[in-house]
């Protein structure tokens, strides 16, 4: 699911993004308690929206290097 026109003041830049680099992944909590993930260089395209549990599972899988391809 994607969402558009999210408040710009709620975006949080990844701590792994370089300060001088304009392009990064950003996230914000939505008013309906979902997690929005967007590209700072392409905000007009909208953001992907996930449940907190789905986002936590994805991040955990990346950190543990256990992410499997979808078949």
C-alpha atoms as a PDB file:
ATOM      1  CA  UNK A   1       0.000   0.000   0.000  1.00  0.00           C
ATOM      2  CA  UNK A   2       1.210   3.522  -0.709  1.00  0.00           C
ATOM      3  CA  UNK A   3       0.214   6.809   0.787  1.00  0.00           C
ATOM      4  CA  UNK A   4       0.663  10.364  -0.499  1.00  0.00           C
ATOM      5  CA  UNK A   5       0.700  13.841   1.052  1.00  0.00           C
ATOM      6  CA  UNK A   6       2.165  12.824   4.396  1.00  0.00           C
ATOM      7  CA  UNK A   7       3.281  15.690   6.660  1.00  0.00           C
ATOM      8  CA  UNK A   8       6.841  16.711   5.782  1.00  0.00           C
ATOM      9  CA  UNK A   9       7.725  17.659   9.372  1.00  0.00           C
ATOM     10  CA  UNK A  10       7.219  14.057  10.557  1.00  0.00           C
ATOM     11  CA  UNK A  11       9.857  12.447   8.363  1.00  0.00           C
ATOM     12  CA  UNK A  12      12.918  11.029  10.151  1.00  0.00           C
ATOM     13  CA  UNK A  13      16.076  10.392   8.154  1.00  0.00           C
ATOM     14  CA  UNK A  14      18.021   7.174   8.638  1.00  0.00           C
ATOM     15  CA  UNK A  15      21.007   7.490  10.976  1.00  0.00           C
ATOM     16  CA  UNK A  16      23.029   5.714   8.270  1.00  0.00           C
ATOM     17  CA  UNK A  17      22.429   8.521   5.779  1.00  0.00           C
ATOM     18  CA  UNK A  18      25.231  10.973   5.242  1.00  0.00           C
ATOM     19  CA  UNK A  19      24.482  14.548   6.299  1.00  0.00           C
ATOM     20  CA  UNK A  20      25.443  16.016   2.909  1.00  0.00           C
ATOM     21  CA  UNK A  21      23.595  13.325   0.940  1.00  0.00           C
ATOM     22  CA  UNK A  22      20.121  14.524  -0.032  1.00  0.00           C
ATOM     23  CA  UNK A  23      18.917  11.049  -0.985  1.00  0.00           C
ATOM     24  CA  UNK A  24      17.950   8.700   1.777  1.00  0.00           C
ATOM     25  CA  UNK A  25      15.240   6.500   3.146  1.00  0.00           C
ATOM     26  CA  UNK A  26      12.980   8.224   5.640  1.00  0.00           C
ATOM     27  CA  UNK A  27      10.262   6.940   7.931  1.00  0.00           C
ATOM     28  CA  UNK A  28       7.391   8.321   9.918  1.00  0.00           C
ATOM     29  CA  UNK A  29       4.565   7.044  12.058  1.00  0.00           C
ATOM     30  CA  UNK A  30       1.194   7.830  10.540  1.00  0.00           C
ATOM     31  CA  UNK A  31      -1.793   9.089  12.495  1.00  0.00           C
ATOM     32  CA  UNK A  32      -3.416   5.675  12.136  1.00  0.00           C
ATOM     33  CA  UNK A  33      -0.340   4.024  13.719  1.00  0.00           C
ATOM     34  CA  UNK A  34       1.257   2.590  10.609  1.00  0.00           C
ATOM     35  CA  UNK A  35       4.880   2.984   9.494  1.00  0.00           C
ATOM     36  CA  UNK A  36       5.478   4.990   6.311  1.00  0.00           C
ATOM     37  CA  UNK A  37       8.771   4.510   4.423  1.00  0.00           C
ATOM     38  CA  UNK A  38       9.727   6.946   1.696  1.00  0.00           C
ATOM     39  CA  UNK A  39      12.551   8.189  -0.495  1.00  0.00           C
ATOM     40  CA  UNK A  40      13.560  11.763   0.325  1.00  0.00           C
ATOM     41  CA  UNK A  41      14.327  12.436  -3.372  1.00  0.00           C
ATOM     42  CA  UNK A  42      10.960  11.147  -4.567  1.00  0.00           C
ATOM     43  CA  UNK A  43       8.345  12.272  -2.067  1.00  0.00           C
ATOM     44  CA  UNK A  44       5.749  12.987  -4.787  1.00  0.00           C
ATOM     45  CA  UNK A  45       5.731   9.238  -5.493  1.00  0.00           C
ATOM     46  CA  UNK A  46       4.351   8.618  -2.013  1.00  0.00           C
ATOM     47  CA  UNK A  47       5.495   6.233   0.676  1.00  0.00           C
ATOM     48  CA  UNK A  48       5.039   2.545   1.324  1.00  0.00           C
ATOM     49  CA  UNK A  49       2.967   1.913   4.446  1.00  0.00           C
ATOM     50  CA  UNK A  50       3.340  -1.118   6.714  1.00  0.00           C
ATOM     51  CA  UNK A  51       1.954  -2.328  10.017  1.00  0.00           C
ATOM     52  CA  UNK A  52       4.458  -1.931  12.859  1.00  0.00           C
ATOM     53  CA  UNK A  53       4.723  -5.725  13.150  1.00  0.00           C
ATOM     54  CA  UNK A  54       5.474  -6.176   9.439  1.00  0.00           C
ATOM     55  CA  UNK A  55       8.104  -3.423   9.503  1.00  0.00           C
ATOM     56  CA  UNK A  56       9.733  -4.851  12.653  1.00  0.00           C
ATOM     57  CA  UNK A  57       9.889  -8.306  11.065  1.00  0.00           C
ATOM     58  CA  UNK A  58      11.512  -6.877   7.929  1.00  0.00           C
ATOM     59  CA  UNK A  59      14.113  -4.896   9.903  1.00  0.00           C
ATOM     60  CA  UNK A  60      14.868  -7.898  12.135  1.00  0.00           C
ATOM     61  CA  UNK A  61      15.347 -10.112   9.059  1.00  0.00           C
ATOM     62  CA  UNK A  62      17.766  -7.606   7.516  1.00  0.00           C
ATOM     63  CA  UNK A  63      19.778  -7.300  10.734  1.00  0.00           C
ATOM     64  CA  UNK A  64      20.011 -11.077  11.156  1.00  0.00           C
ATOM     65  CA  UNK A  65      20.655 -11.661   7.429  1.00  0.00           C
ATOM     66  CA  UNK A  66      17.716 -14.058   7.244  1.00  0.00           C
ATOM     67  CA  UNK A  67      15.620 -12.269   4.623  1.00  0.00           C
ATOM     68  CA  UNK A  68      14.386 -14.774   2.059  1.00  0.00           C
ATOM     69  CA  UNK A  69      13.205 -13.998  -1.481  1.00  0.00           C
ATOM     70  CA  UNK A  70       9.480 -14.116  -2.146  1.00  0.00           C
ATOM     71  CA  UNK A  71       8.590 -16.959  -4.486  1.00  0.00           C
END
